[in-house]
Amino acid sequence: MTEAHVGKVTAMTDDPGVHSDRQAWRHGLALVAIIIVTSLPLISLFAAGLVANVNGCALDEGNPHPCLVLGSDVGQTLDNMALGGWLTIVTLPIGAGLFLL
């Protein structure tokens, strides 16, 4: 037998459960990736709120407020992170659609 024939015979006799297990892992990893990417704007929003609360800073959508963290003003960065939470309006429907696919 040639190597091509051996490969075909080996492929036919492989355990079919091995392929389905790999496919299940791939689908699971894809679903986890979809969930993480979809929730990134919310994670950014909650992180900004947490940093602002811990340091006693004001955080609102009106304008950035000064916020000193370790001697640096991160008020604009926290404001950008908090406003990034609005991206959830876009990422949530897209992520839900991909999740259902």
C-alpha atoms as a PDB file:
ATOM      1  CA  MET A   1       0.000   0.000   0.000  1.00  0.00           C
ATOM      2  CA  THR A   2       1.104   3.539  -0.686  1.00  0.00           C
ATOM      3  CA  GLU A   3       1.171   6.253   1.937  1.00  0.00           C
ATOM      4  CA  ALA A   4      -2.005   7.790   0.526  1.00  0.00           C
ATOM      5  CA  HIS A   5      -3.863   4.510   0.987  1.00  0.00           C
ATOM      6  CA  VAL A   6      -2.546   4.119   4.536  1.00  0.00           C
ATOM      7  CA  GLY A   7      -3.730   7.639   5.365  1.00  0.00           C
ATOM      8  CA  LYS A   8      -7.221   6.906   4.036  1.00  0.00           C
ATOM      9  CA  VAL A   9      -7.481   3.615   5.922  1.00  0.00           C
ATOM     10  CA  THR A  10      -6.246   5.264   9.106  1.00  0.00           C
ATOM     11  CA  ALA A  11      -8.746   8.121   8.701  1.00  0.00           C
ATOM     12  CA  MET A  12     -11.606   5.654   8.266  1.00  0.00           C
ATOM     13  CA  THR A  13     -10.680   3.696  11.378  1.00  0.00           C
ATOM     14  CA  ASP A  14     -10.108   6.714  13.684  1.00  0.00           C
ATOM     15  CA  ASP A  15     -12.422   7.092  16.631  1.00  0.00           C
ATOM     16  CA  PRO A  16     -15.203   9.491  15.544  1.00  0.00           C
ATOM     17  CA  GLY A  17     -15.494  10.807  19.104  1.00  0.00           C
ATOM     18  CA  VAL A  18     -12.080  12.461  18.900  1.00  0.00           C
ATOM     19  CA  HIS A  19     -13.155  14.756  16.057  1.00  0.00           C
ATOM     20  CA  SER A  20     -16.395  15.731  17.768  1.00  0.00           C
ATOM     21  CA  ASP A  21     -14.550  16.478  21.029  1.00  0.00           C
ATOM     22  CA  ARG A  22     -12.171  18.847  19.214  1.00  0.00           C
ATOM     23  CA  GLN A  23     -15.076  20.488  17.463  1.00  0.00           C
ATOM     24  CA  ALA A  24     -16.921  20.938  20.769  1.00  0.00           C
ATOM     25  CA  TRP A  25     -13.834  22.605  22.268  1.00  0.00           C
ATOM     26  CA  ARG A  26     -13.556  24.935  19.274  1.00  0.00           C
ATOM     27  CA  HIS A  27     -17.207  25.898  19.536  1.00  0.00           C
ATOM     28  CA  GLY A  28     -16.843  26.448  23.270  1.00  0.00           C
ATOM     29  CA  LEU A  29     -13.789  28.668  22.813  1.00  0.00           C
ATOM     30  CA  ALA A  30     -15.593  30.637  20.112  1.00  0.00           C
ATOM     31  CA  LEU A  31     -18.558  31.215  22.434  1.00  0.00           C
ATOM     32  CA  VAL A  32     -16.280  32.361  25.253  1.00  0.00           C
ATOM     33  CA  ALA A  33     -14.478  34.746  22.867  1.00  0.00           C
ATOM     34  CA  ILE A  34     -17.822  36.160  21.687  1.00  0.00           C
ATOM     35  CA  ILE A  35     -18.939  36.744  25.280  1.00  0.00           C
ATOM     36  CA  ILE A  36     -15.652  38.443  26.241  1.00  0.00           C
ATOM     37  CA  VAL A  37     -15.540  40.739  23.190  1.00  0.00           C
ATOM     38  CA  THR A  38     -19.220  41.608  23.600  1.00  0.00           C
ATOM     39  CA  SER A  39     -18.766  42.550  27.253  1.00  0.00           C
ATOM     40  CA  LEU A  40     -15.541  44.590  26.876  1.00  0.00           C
ATOM     41  CA  PRO A  41     -17.344  47.969  26.859  1.00  0.00           C
ATOM     42  CA  LEU A  42     -19.157  47.051  30.079  1.00  0.00           C
ATOM     43  CA  ILE A  43     -15.926  45.884  31.678  1.00  0.00           C
ATOM     44  CA  SER A  44     -14.357  49.251  30.747  1.00  0.00           C
ATOM     45  CA  LEU A  45     -17.312  51.117  32.250  1.00  0.00           C
ATOM     46  CA  PHE A  46     -17.224  49.147  35.511  1.00  0.00           C
ATOM     47  CA  ALA A  47     -13.437  49.504  35.792  1.00  0.00           C
ATOM     48  CA  ALA A  48     -13.699  53.285  35.379  1.00  0.00           C
ATOM     49  CA  GLY A  49     -16.405  53.426  38.031  1.00  0.00           C
ATOM     50  CA  LEU A  50     -14.367  51.296  40.410  1.00  0.00           C
ATOM     51  CA  VAL A  51     -11.217  53.429  40.009  1.00  0.00           C
ATOM     52  CA  ALA A  52     -13.245  56.613  40.465  1.00  0.00           C
ATOM     53  CA  ASN A  53     -14.967  55.298  43.601  1.00  0.00           C
ATOM     54  CA  VAL A  54     -11.768  54.027  45.199  1.00  0.00           C
ATOM     55  CA  ASN A  55     -10.052  57.384  44.656  1.00  0.00           C
ATOM     56  CA  GLY A  56     -13.066  59.518  45.598  1.00  0.00           C
ATOM     57  CA  CYS A  57     -13.433  61.069  42.163  1.00  0.00           C
ATOM     58  CA  ALA A  58     -16.556  62.266  40.392  1.00  0.00           C
ATOM     59  CA  LEU A  59     -17.474  60.408  37.216  1.00  0.00           C
ATOM     60  CA  ASP A  60     -20.337  61.463  34.978  1.00  0.00           C
ATOM     61  CA  GLU A  61     -21.181  61.839  31.315  1.00  0.00           C
ATOM     62  CA  GLY A  62     -21.163  65.630  31.369  1.00  0.00           C
ATOM     63  CA  ASN A  63     -17.447  66.277  31.304  1.00  0.00           C
ATOM     64  CA  PRO A  64     -14.204  64.867  32.718  1.00  0.00           C
ATOM     65  CA  HIS A  65     -13.351  65.774  36.287  1.00  0.00           C
ATOM     66  CA  PRO A  66      -9.830  65.865  37.726  1.00  0.00           C
ATOM     67  CA  CYS A  67      -8.902  62.595  39.390  1.00  0.00           C
ATOM     68  CA  LEU A  68      -5.484  62.013  40.895  1.00  0.00           C
ATOM     69  CA  VAL A  69      -4.326  58.408  40.955  1.00  0.00           C
ATOM     70  CA  LEU A  70      -0.742  57.845  42.099  1.00  0.00           C
ATOM     71  CA  GLY A  71       0.065  61.484  41.405  1.00  0.00           C
ATOM     72  CA  SER A  72      -1.293  61.550  37.845  1.00  0.00           C
ATOM     73  CA  ASP A  73      -4.536  63.050  36.590  1.00  0.00           C
ATOM     74  CA  VAL A  74      -6.532  60.248  34.955  1.00  0.00           C
ATOM     75  CA  GLY A  75      -9.863  62.082  34.785  1.00  0.00           C
ATOM     76  CA  GLN A  76      -9.964  62.205  30.974  1.00  0.00           C
ATOM     77  CA  THR A  77      -9.032  58.523  30.714  1.00  0.00           C
ATOM     78  CA  LEU A  78     -11.754  57.532  33.183  1.00  0.00           C
ATOM     79  CA  ASP A  79     -14.258  59.653  31.275  1.00  0.00           C
ATOM     80  CA  ASN A  80     -13.300  57.951  27.999  1.00  0.00           C
ATOM     81  CA  MET A  81     -13.598  54.529  29.608  1.00  0.00           C
ATOM     82  CA  ALA A  82     -17.010  55.358  31.044  1.00  0.00           C
ATOM     83  CA  LEU A  83     -18.285  56.722  27.738  1.00  0.00           C
ATOM     84  CA  GLY A  84     -17.016  53.554  26.059  1.00  0.00           C
ATOM     85  CA  GLY A  85     -19.787  51.739  27.887  1.00  0.00           C
ATOM     86  CA  TRP A  86     -22.176  53.153  25.280  1.00  0.00           C
ATOM     87  CA  LEU A  87     -20.563  50.816  22.750  1.00  0.00           C
ATOM     88  CA  THR A  88     -22.567  48.073  24.424  1.00  0.00           C
ATOM     89  CA  ILE A  89     -25.507  49.298  22.358  1.00  0.00           C
ATOM     90  CA  VAL A  90     -23.615  48.021  19.290  1.00  0.00           C
ATOM     91  CA  THR A  91     -21.704  45.047  20.674  1.00  0.00           C
ATOM     92  CA  LEU A  92     -24.574  43.394  22.530  1.00  0.00           C
ATOM     93  CA  PRO A  93     -26.844  42.756  19.511  1.00  0.00           C
ATOM     94  CA  ILE A  94     -23.893  41.675  17.367  1.00  0.00           C
ATOM     95  CA  GLY A  95     -22.624  39.342  20.087  1.00  0.00           C
ATOM     96  CA  ALA A  96     -26.097  37.910  20.663  1.00  0.00           C
ATOM     97  CA  GLY A  97     -26.468  37.236  16.946  1.00  0.00           C
ATOM     98  CA  LEU A  98     -23.072  35.544  16.762  1.00  0.00           C
ATOM     99  CA  PHE A  99     -23.861  33.549  19.893  1.00  0.00           C
ATOM    100  CA  LEU A 100     -27.048  32.226  18.302  1.00  0.00           C
ATOM    101  CA  LEU A 101     -25.221  31.307  15.104  1.00  0.00           C
END
